[in-house]
Amino acid sequence: MTEPVLDYMHRLGHAARAAARVIARASTGRKNQALLATADALDHARHALAEANQLDLDTARANGLEAALLDRLALTPARIDGMIAGLRQVAALPDPVGAIRDMSYRPSGIQVGKMRAPLGVVGIIYESRPNVTIDAASLCLKSGNATILRGGSEAIHSNRAVAACISQGLEAAGLPAAVVQVVETTDRAAVGALITMPEFVDVIVPRGGRGLIERISRDARVPVIKHLDGICHVYVSAHADLPKAQRIAFNAKTYRYGICGAMETLLVDAAVAAAFVPGMAAQLREHGVELRGCERTRELTEALPASEQDWHTEYLAPILSIRVVSGLDEAIEHINHYGSHHTDSIVTDHQGEARRFMAEVDSASVMLNAPTCFADGFEYGLGAEIGISTDKLHARGPVGLEGLTCEKYVVVGDGQLRGESSGH
């Protein structure tokens, strides 16, 4: 690319701002047409997608990319199926744009309510996963936003191939190509430009490692929807059905190691530890999971000693920390201290205990008798997700269509005038 990066990014920003005005007023039918046409384009481009992804995988292996990131990078036939299904599911979801709620009459005779509106231009910065290109594009498009997508350099060929399918879908629906723009340059200066263009970009969503998200949170001049880590816990209580707890914990850890909803720490109530830990540990070891445990855990099974740092660590790998705790209070205290406010689960048949856990654990998702790997927009019925937010302002948990809109007040009158007696 001969064009200076800053000039290139400003050109994308100008185009995105203009496209945002078009997509904000596009009908639901037009947006759905673009989504379904993109799904068809992906289906017809399977061979091209596989070839492009293979180029990225070969380069990544040559560069020594770690196994968890290679797994995220792979665009398998099943993941292409998932991308297509996600597009069709988003098309089937209700359109949040323009929805009005809570209209009520005030004493003056005016009506006041709230209307959902697009955020405008959403910048998304992500690593490895080329399927994020589709997830992000589909959700932004359906929620009436333009988007600028900056994927990782390791997925550049895959992202270009996916972007070509999106362009076909937009063209089929008569929408501007700039509604979804994939940054073509791998120059890291593009990220710096994207996060400091408030005149063009309304919100940034980073998806990647802690280093990337910390940098964006520190340097951005645009609001950021983010999470740093997925340090997720499963707590097996004294009132748990232990065979069920073992199935849940095994799935939470081994479904996929590289996802942010994978369990990284298993907490076990001391009352059931002797009955639960040895069998659970044996199953995990047979599956190749390295165990790190507290002193009480190591009295019950073979495990490396867990350090203080282990409780703070998102492994994204076949490694698990295990701690025996003295009841619900200690479990909640551990999660709120060491966790990342992402997703945490309790296994119990005690209703009061479950209610306390769900009320007191300070996380974006709290679960009862379910594995943490269910923390996913697709599983939550959002069609897909643009990310999982551990923030408390604007959006929390998996961010789908509603999280990509905001609310504005709408006021309807019939000629009423405000007088001195009508208020402050």
Protein backbone atom coordinates (compact mmCIF):
# COMPACT_ATOMS: atom_id res chain seq x y z
CA MET A 1 0.00 0.00 0.00
CA THR A 2 1.55 3.30 -1.12
CA GLU A 3 -1.07 5.51 0.53
CA PRO A 4 -0.06 6.69 4.03
CA VAL A 5 -1.86 4.65 6.69
CA LEU A 6 -3.45 7.68 8.37
CA ASP A 7 -4.80 8.95 5.04
CA TYR A 8 -6.13 5.48 4.25
CA MET A 9 -7.89 5.15 7.63
CA HIS A 10 -9.41 8.64 7.33
CA ARG A 11 -10.73 7.66 3.90
CA LEU A 12 -12.34 4.57 5.42
CA GLY A 13 -13.75 6.73 8.22
CA HIS A 14 -15.29 9.25 5.82
CA ALA A 15 -16.89 6.42 3.83
CA ALA A 16 -18.16 4.69 6.98
CA ARG A 17 -19.75 7.87 8.31
CA ALA A 18 -21.61 8.38 5.03
CA ALA A 19 -22.65 4.71 4.89
CA ALA A 20 -23.88 4.86 8.51
CA ARG A 21 -26.55 7.37 7.50
CA VAL A 22 -27.76 4.99 4.77
CA ILE A 23 -27.82 1.82 6.86
CA ALA A 24 -29.47 3.61 9.81
CA ARG A 25 -32.57 4.25 7.71
CA ALA A 26 -32.51 0.96 5.76
CA SER A 27 -35.58 -1.22 6.13
CA THR A 28 -35.45 -4.50 8.03
CA GLY A 29 -36.16 -6.32 4.76
CA ARG A 30 -33.20 -4.68 3.02
CA LYS A 31 -30.85 -5.55 5.88
CA ASN A 32 -32.08 -9.14 6.00
CA GLN A 33 -31.64 -9.43 2.23
CA ALA A 34 -27.97 -8.46 2.63
CA LEU A 35 -27.46 -11.00 5.42
CA LEU A 36 -29.05 -13.87 3.51
CA ALA A 37 -27.20 -13.01 0.30
CA THR A 38 -23.93 -13.01 2.28
CA ALA A 39 -24.80 -16.46 3.67
CA ASP A 40 -25.34 -17.75 0.13
CA ALA A 41 -22.06 -16.17 -1.01
CA LEU A 42 -20.17 -17.92 1.82
CA ASP A 43 -21.77 -21.24 0.91
CA HIS A 44 -20.65 -20.87 -2.71
CA ALA A 45 -17.15 -19.70 -1.72
CA ARG A 46 -16.19 -22.62 0.53
CA HIS A 47 -13.23 -23.64 -1.64
CA ALA A 48 -11.88 -20.08 -1.88
CA LEU A 49 -12.31 -19.62 1.88
CA ALA A 50 -10.44 -22.85 2.60
CA GLU A 51 -7.58 -21.90 0.26
CA ALA A 52 -7.23 -18.43 1.80
CA ASN A 53 -7.35 -19.86 5.33
CA GLN A 54 -4.70 -22.45 4.48
CA LEU A 55 -2.33 -19.64 3.43
CA ASP A 56 -2.83 -18.02 6.84
CA LEU A 57 -2.41 -21.31 8.73
CA ASP A 58 0.81 -22.16 6.87
CA THR A 59 2.26 -18.73 7.65
CA ALA A 60 1.13 -18.91 11.27
CA ARG A 61 2.75 -22.31 11.82
CA ALA A 62 5.96 -21.09 10.20
CA ASN A 63 5.94 -18.14 12.59
CA GLY A 64 5.44 -20.41 15.61
CA LEU A 65 1.92 -19.30 16.54
CA GLU A 66 0.79 -21.16 19.66
CA ALA A 67 -1.78 -23.96 19.47
CA ALA A 68 -4.67 -22.01 21.01
CA LEU A 69 -4.28 -19.23 18.43
CA LEU A 70 -3.96 -21.73 15.57
CA ASP A 71 -7.25 -23.26 16.71
CA ARG A 72 -8.90 -19.82 16.66
CA LEU A 73 -7.47 -19.13 13.20
CA ALA A 74 -8.70 -22.34 11.56
CA LEU A 75 -11.72 -21.90 9.29
CA THR A 76 -13.01 -25.47 9.28
CA PRO A 77 -16.09 -26.61 7.30
CA ALA A 78 -18.01 -26.71 10.59
CA ARG A 79 -17.07 -23.10 11.34
CA ILE A 80 -18.12 -22.00 7.87
CA ASP A 81 -21.43 -23.77 8.56
CA GLY A 82 -21.59 -21.85 11.82
CA MET A 83 -20.98 -18.53 10.06
CA ILE A 84 -23.77 -19.26 7.58
CA ALA A 85 -26.13 -20.34 10.36
CA GLY A 86 -25.25 -17.21 12.34
CA LEU A 87 -26.13 -14.94 9.41
CA ARG A 88 -29.47 -16.65 8.93
CA GLN A 89 -30.22 -16.53 12.64
CA VAL A 90 -29.43 -12.81 12.81
CA ALA A 91 -31.71 -12.24 9.81
CA ALA A 92 -34.50 -14.01 11.71
CA LEU A 93 -34.07 -11.89 14.85
CA PRO A 94 -36.32 -8.90 15.57
CA ASP A 95 -34.86 -5.60 14.39
CA PRO A 96 -34.20 -3.41 17.44
CA VAL A 97 -33.87 -0.16 15.47
CA GLY A 98 -36.83 2.16 15.93
CA ALA A 99 -38.44 0.09 18.68
CA ILE A 100 -40.21 2.34 21.19
CA ARG A 101 -40.92 1.37 24.78
CA ASP A 102 -42.42 2.78 27.96
CA MET A 103 -44.51 5.50 26.32
CA SER A 104 -46.51 7.17 29.07
CA TYR A 105 -48.51 10.36 29.53
CA ARG A 106 -47.15 13.06 31.81
CA PRO A 107 -49.37 15.48 33.76
CA SER A 108 -48.72 18.12 31.09
CA GLY A 109 -50.32 15.87 28.45
CA ILE A 110 -47.09 15.03 26.60
CA GLN A 111 -46.06 11.41 26.06
CA VAL A 112 -42.50 10.33 26.92
CA GLY A 113 -40.79 7.09 25.93
CA LYS A 114 -37.54 5.63 24.62
CA MET A 115 -36.53 4.61 21.09
CA ARG A 116 -33.66 2.33 20.07
CA ALA A 117 -31.20 3.83 17.60
CA PRO A 118 -27.91 2.65 16.03
CA LEU A 119 -24.62 3.69 17.62
CA GLY A 120 -23.34 4.89 14.22
CA VAL A 121 -19.90 3.61 13.20
CA VAL A 122 -18.45 0.68 15.14
CA GLY A 123 -14.73 -0.09 14.91
CA ILE A 124 -13.83 -3.70 15.71
CA ILE A 125 -10.26 -4.86 16.35
CA TYR A 126 -9.71 -8.59 16.70
CA GLU A 127 -7.10 -11.32 16.50
CA SER A 128 -6.99 -14.70 14.82
CA ARG A 129 -10.65 -15.69 14.41
CA PRO A 130 -11.81 -14.97 10.83
CA ASN A 131 -15.36 -15.97 11.79
CA VAL A 132 -15.47 -12.77 13.87
CA THR A 133 -15.54 -10.88 10.57
CA ILE A 134 -18.98 -12.38 9.86
CA ASP A 135 -20.25 -12.15 13.44
CA ALA A 136 -19.32 -8.49 13.65
CA ALA A 137 -20.53 -7.56 10.19
CA SER A 138 -23.90 -9.28 10.61
CA LEU A 139 -24.68 -7.76 13.98
CA CYS A 140 -23.57 -4.26 13.00
CA LEU A 141 -25.54 -4.41 9.76
CA LYS A 142 -28.77 -5.69 11.37
CA SER A 143 -28.52 -3.07 14.14
CA GLY A 144 -28.17 -0.29 11.56
CA ASN A 145 -24.47 0.47 12.09
CA ALA A 146 -21.61 0.85 9.67
CA THR A 147 -18.46 -0.95 10.75
CA ILE A 148 -14.72 -0.87 10.15
CA LEU A 149 -13.13 -4.26 10.83
CA ARG A 150 -9.44 -4.60 11.59
CA GLY A 151 -8.53 -8.28 11.90
CA GLY A 152 -5.16 -9.65 12.90
CA SER A 153 -2.37 -9.81 10.33
CA GLU A 154 -2.25 -13.59 10.81
CA ALA A 155 -5.77 -13.88 9.29
CA ILE A 156 -5.43 -11.33 6.47
CA HIS A 157 -6.09 -13.75 3.58
CA SER A 158 -9.07 -15.35 5.35
CA ASN A 159 -10.56 -11.98 6.22
CA ARG A 160 -10.22 -10.71 2.65
CA ALA A 161 -12.02 -13.82 1.36
CA VAL A 162 -14.82 -13.36 3.91
CA ALA A 163 -15.02 -9.63 3.09
CA ALA A 164 -15.56 -10.45 -0.59
CA CYS A 165 -18.66 -12.48 0.39
CA ILE A 166 -19.96 -9.61 2.51
CA SER A 167 -19.50 -7.21 -0.41
CA GLN A 168 -21.58 -9.51 -2.59
CA GLY A 169 -24.32 -9.56 0.01
CA LEU A 170 -24.39 -5.76 0.34
CA GLU A 171 -24.44 -5.34 -3.44
CA ALA A 172 -27.33 -7.80 -3.77
CA ALA A 173 -29.36 -5.70 -1.32
CA GLY A 174 -28.44 -2.38 -2.93
CA LEU A 175 -26.53 -1.15 0.11
CA PRO A 176 -23.22 0.76 0.02
CA ALA A 177 -20.05 -1.35 0.17
CA ALA A 178 -18.78 0.98 2.92
CA VAL A 179 -21.41 -0.35 5.35
CA VAL A 180 -18.81 -3.05 6.14
CA GLN A 181 -15.15 -2.26 5.47
CA VAL A 182 -12.28 -4.63 6.25
CA VAL A 183 -8.96 -2.85 6.76
CA GLU A 184 -6.63 -4.08 4.02
CA THR A 185 -3.32 -3.09 5.57
CA THR A 186 -1.54 -5.16 8.22
CA ASP A 187 0.36 -2.08 9.43
CA ARG A 188 -0.22 -1.72 13.18
CA ALA A 189 -0.52 2.04 12.74
CA ALA A 190 -4.03 1.33 11.41
CA VAL A 191 -5.13 0.36 14.93
CA GLY A 192 -3.74 3.56 16.39
CA ALA A 193 -5.61 5.57 13.78
CA LEU A 194 -8.89 3.70 14.22
CA ILE A 195 -9.05 4.24 17.99
CA THR A 196 -8.30 7.96 17.74
CA MET A 197 -10.88 9.01 15.13
CA PRO A 198 -13.91 10.13 17.18
CA GLU A 199 -15.06 12.23 14.25
CA PHE A 200 -15.60 9.01 12.28
CA VAL A 201 -15.97 6.21 14.87
CA ASP A 202 -18.54 6.09 17.70
CA VAL A 203 -17.41 3.00 19.62
CA ILE A 204 -14.53 0.50 19.54
CA VAL A 205 -14.92 -3.21 20.33
CA PRO A 206 -11.57 -5.00 20.84
CA ARG A 207 -11.44 -8.80 20.75
CA GLY A 208 -8.07 -10.31 21.50
CA GLY A 209 -5.38 -10.81 24.08
CA ARG A 210 -4.93 -8.81 27.24
CA GLY A 211 -2.07 -6.78 25.75
CA LEU A 212 -4.18 -5.60 22.81
CA ILE A 213 -7.16 -4.67 24.98
CA GLU A 214 -5.06 -2.88 27.60
CA ARG A 215 -3.39 -0.84 24.86
CA ILE A 216 -6.70 0.12 23.28
CA SER A 217 -8.29 0.96 26.63
CA ARG A 218 -5.30 3.18 27.45
CA ASP A 219 -4.91 4.96 24.11
CA ALA A 220 -8.41 5.16 22.65
CA ARG A 221 -10.17 8.49 22.22
CA VAL A 222 -13.35 6.60 21.32
CA PRO A 223 -15.55 4.75 23.88
CA VAL A 224 -14.56 1.07 24.26
CA ILE A 225 -16.72 -2.02 24.95
CA LYS A 226 -14.30 -4.62 26.27
CA HIS A 227 -13.27 -7.49 28.48
CA LEU A 228 -9.69 -8.26 29.47
CA ASP A 229 -9.74 -11.89 30.62
CA GLY A 230 -12.00 -14.89 30.87
CA ILE A 231 -10.98 -16.30 34.25
CA CYS A 232 -14.09 -18.45 34.67
CA HIS A 233 -14.96 -20.64 37.65
CA VAL A 234 -17.18 -23.61 38.37
CA TYR A 235 -18.05 -24.10 42.06
CA VAL A 236 -19.16 -27.59 43.11
CA SER A 237 -21.17 -27.07 46.28
CA ALA A 238 -21.83 -29.42 49.17
CA HIS A 239 -25.36 -29.82 47.75
CA ALA A 240 -24.29 -30.78 44.23
CA ASP A 241 -25.26 -33.92 42.35
CA LEU A 242 -21.66 -35.11 41.95
CA PRO A 243 -21.97 -37.12 38.70
CA LYS A 244 -23.72 -34.11 37.14
CA ALA A 245 -21.05 -31.79 38.55
CA GLN A 246 -18.30 -33.93 37.01
CA ARG A 247 -19.95 -33.80 33.58
CA ILE A 248 -20.42 -30.02 33.83
CA ALA A 249 -16.86 -29.31 34.99
CA PHE A 250 -15.34 -31.58 32.33
CA ASN A 251 -17.31 -29.87 29.57
CA ALA A 252 -16.53 -26.40 30.95
CA LYS A 253 -12.80 -27.11 30.68
CA THR A 254 -12.45 -29.35 27.64
CA TYR A 255 -15.13 -28.16 25.18
CA ARG A 256 -12.54 -25.78 23.73
CA TYR A 257 -9.49 -24.54 25.62
CA GLY A 258 -9.04 -21.35 23.60
CA ILE A 259 -12.40 -19.67 24.29
CA CYS A 260 -12.92 -16.97 26.90
CA GLY A 261 -15.73 -19.03 28.50
CA ALA A 262 -13.48 -22.00 29.30
CA MET A 263 -13.23 -22.86 33.01
CA GLU A 264 -9.81 -21.94 34.38
CA THR A 265 -10.41 -22.63 38.10
CA LEU A 266 -12.49 -25.38 39.70
CA LEU A 267 -13.70 -24.68 43.25
CA VAL A 268 -14.88 -27.67 45.31
CA ASP A 269 -16.64 -27.53 48.65
CA ALA A 270 -14.61 -29.24 51.39
CA ALA A 271 -17.65 -31.32 52.38
CA VAL A 272 -17.60 -33.22 49.04
CA ALA A 273 -13.94 -32.82 48.04
CA ALA A 274 -12.87 -36.34 49.03
CA ALA A 275 -15.73 -37.86 47.06
CA PHE A 276 -15.38 -35.58 44.04
CA VAL A 277 -11.79 -34.48 43.42
CA PRO A 278 -10.03 -37.85 42.77
CA GLY A 279 -12.44 -38.98 40.05
CA MET A 280 -12.68 -35.53 38.49
CA ALA A 281 -8.90 -35.18 38.43
CA ALA A 282 -8.41 -38.63 36.89
CA GLN A 283 -10.83 -37.83 34.05
CA LEU A 284 -9.10 -34.52 33.34
CA ARG A 285 -5.62 -36.08 33.42
CA GLU A 286 -6.75 -38.80 30.99
CA HIS A 287 -7.78 -35.99 28.64
CA GLY A 288 -4.31 -34.41 28.88
CA VAL A 289 -5.17 -31.56 31.27
CA GLU A 290 -2.37 -30.43 33.61
CA LEU A 291 -3.65 -29.88 37.16
CA ARG A 292 -2.46 -27.29 39.65
CA GLY A 293 -3.97 -27.48 43.11
CA CYS A 294 -4.08 -25.98 46.57
CA GLU A 295 -2.69 -27.96 49.53
CA ARG A 296 -6.04 -29.63 50.27
CA THR A 297 -6.42 -30.60 46.60
CA ARG A 298 -2.94 -32.15 46.54
CA GLU A 299 -3.82 -34.27 49.56
CA LEU A 300 -6.57 -35.85 47.46
CA THR A 301 -4.96 -36.20 44.02
CA GLU A 302 -1.77 -35.72 42.05
CA ALA A 303 -1.33 -32.07 41.05
CA LEU A 304 1.37 -29.43 40.81
CA PRO A 305 1.27 -26.82 43.56
CA ALA A 306 -0.86 -23.83 42.54
CA SER A 307 0.81 -20.46 42.97
CA GLU A 308 -0.94 -17.19 43.79
CA GLN A 309 -0.49 -16.25 40.13
CA ASP A 310 -2.39 -19.35 38.98
CA TRP A 311 -5.63 -18.04 40.49
CA HIS A 312 -5.17 -14.87 38.39
CA THR A 313 -4.38 -16.71 35.13
CA GLU A 314 -6.47 -17.29 32.00
CA TYR A 315 -4.65 -20.32 30.60
CA LEU A 316 -6.47 -20.78 27.27
CA ALA A 317 -4.75 -24.17 27.37
CA PRO A 318 -5.18 -27.67 28.88
CA ILE A 319 -4.24 -26.43 32.36
CA LEU A 320 -6.65 -26.17 35.31
CA SER A 321 -6.34 -24.80 38.84
CA ILE A 322 -8.31 -26.56 41.60
CA ARG A 323 -9.07 -25.16 45.03
CA VAL A 324 -10.97 -26.71 47.93
CA VAL A 325 -13.06 -24.08 49.73
CA SER A 326 -14.93 -24.05 53.03
CA GLY A 327 -18.40 -23.30 51.75
CA LEU A 328 -20.34 -20.82 49.65
CA ASP A 329 -18.98 -17.66 51.27
CA GLU A 330 -15.38 -18.59 50.50
CA ALA A 331 -16.30 -19.59 46.94
CA ILE A 332 -17.99 -16.24 46.28
CA GLU A 333 -15.10 -14.37 47.89
CA HIS A 334 -12.56 -16.25 45.73
CA ILE A 335 -14.49 -15.59 42.50
CA ASN A 336 -15.03 -11.89 43.18
CA HIS A 337 -11.35 -11.45 44.13
CA TYR A 338 -9.60 -13.52 41.47
CA GLY A 339 -12.17 -13.66 38.68
CA SER A 340 -12.46 -11.36 35.68
CA HIS A 341 -16.22 -10.70 36.00
CA HIS A 342 -16.85 -12.80 32.89
CA THR A 343 -18.72 -16.07 33.58
CA ASP A 344 -19.00 -18.20 36.71
CA SER A 345 -21.16 -21.21 37.55
CA ILE A 346 -22.42 -23.07 40.61
CA VAL A 347 -23.46 -26.72 40.66
CA THR A 348 -26.00 -27.23 43.43
CA ASP A 349 -29.47 -28.59 44.15
CA HIS A 350 -29.99 -26.07 46.98
CA GLN A 351 -32.27 -23.26 45.79
CA GLY A 352 -31.24 -20.73 48.44
CA GLU A 353 -27.56 -21.33 47.76
CA ALA A 354 -28.12 -20.91 44.03
CA ARG A 355 -29.96 -17.61 44.53
CA ARG A 356 -27.18 -16.24 46.74
CA PHE A 357 -24.49 -17.23 44.23
CA MET A 358 -26.35 -15.65 41.32
CA ALA A 359 -27.05 -12.45 43.27
CA GLU A 360 -23.62 -11.99 44.87
CA VAL A 361 -21.15 -13.12 42.21
CA ASP A 362 -20.14 -9.95 40.34
CA SER A 363 -19.91 -11.33 36.81
CA ALA A 364 -21.46 -10.59 33.43
CA SER A 365 -22.95 -14.11 33.33
CA VAL A 366 -23.75 -16.31 36.33
CA MET A 367 -24.90 -19.87 35.76
CA LEU A 368 -26.63 -22.64 37.68
CA ASN A 369 -25.91 -26.27 36.84
CA ALA A 370 -24.44 -25.36 33.43
CA PRO A 371 -20.87 -25.20 32.08
CA THR A 372 -19.28 -21.78 31.58
CA CYS A 373 -18.59 -22.54 27.90
CA PHE A 374 -22.26 -21.69 27.25
CA ALA A 375 -21.22 -18.01 27.54
CA ASP A 376 -21.70 -17.25 23.88
CA GLY A 377 -24.02 -15.01 21.90
CA PHE A 378 -25.14 -17.84 19.62
CA GLU A 379 -26.06 -20.01 22.63
CA TYR A 380 -27.87 -17.06 24.25
CA GLY A 381 -30.08 -16.65 21.18
CA LEU A 382 -28.39 -13.44 20.03
CA GLY A 383 -27.56 -14.99 16.65
CA ALA A 384 -23.93 -14.14 17.17
CA GLU A 385 -21.95 -11.83 19.40
CA ILE A 386 -19.66 -8.94 18.79
CA GLY A 387 -17.85 -9.66 22.03
CA ILE A 388 -18.46 -10.25 25.71
CA SER A 389 -18.39 -7.13 27.84
CA THR A 390 -17.31 -7.21 31.47
CA ASP A 391 -17.95 -3.48 31.75
CA LYS A 392 -21.00 -2.23 33.63
CA LEU A 393 -21.85 0.77 31.47
CA HIS A 394 -23.90 0.45 28.26
CA ALA A 395 -23.56 -3.32 27.73
CA ARG A 396 -22.63 -6.32 29.88
CA GLY A 397 -22.18 -9.96 28.88
CA PRO A 398 -22.46 -11.15 25.26
CA VAL A 399 -23.08 -8.08 23.09
CA GLY A 400 -25.65 -8.70 20.37
CA LEU A 401 -28.07 -6.47 18.49
CA GLU A 402 -29.41 -4.58 21.48
CA GLY A 403 -25.89 -3.90 22.75
CA LEU A 404 -25.08 -2.24 19.43
CA THR A 405 -27.89 0.27 19.82
CA CYS A 406 -28.55 3.01 22.33
CA GLU A 407 -31.75 4.61 23.53
CA LYS A 408 -32.94 8.15 23.05
CA TYR A 409 -35.97 9.80 24.57
CA VAL A 410 -38.92 10.51 22.31
CA VAL A 411 -41.52 13.05 23.32
CA VAL A 412 -44.92 13.37 21.62
CA GLY A 413 -47.14 16.36 22.17
CA ASP A 414 -50.20 17.97 20.65
CA GLY A 415 -49.44 21.62 21.05
CA GLN A 416 -48.95 21.63 24.83
CA LEU A 417 -46.93 24.57 26.20
CA ARG A 418 -44.80 24.55 29.31
CA GLY A 419 -45.90 27.10 31.86
CA GLU A 420 -44.55 28.14 35.24
CA SER A 421 -46.85 25.68 37.01
CA SER A 422 -45.84 22.66 34.94
CA GLY A 423 -42.52 21.88 36.59
CA HIS A 424 -39.16 23.11 37.78
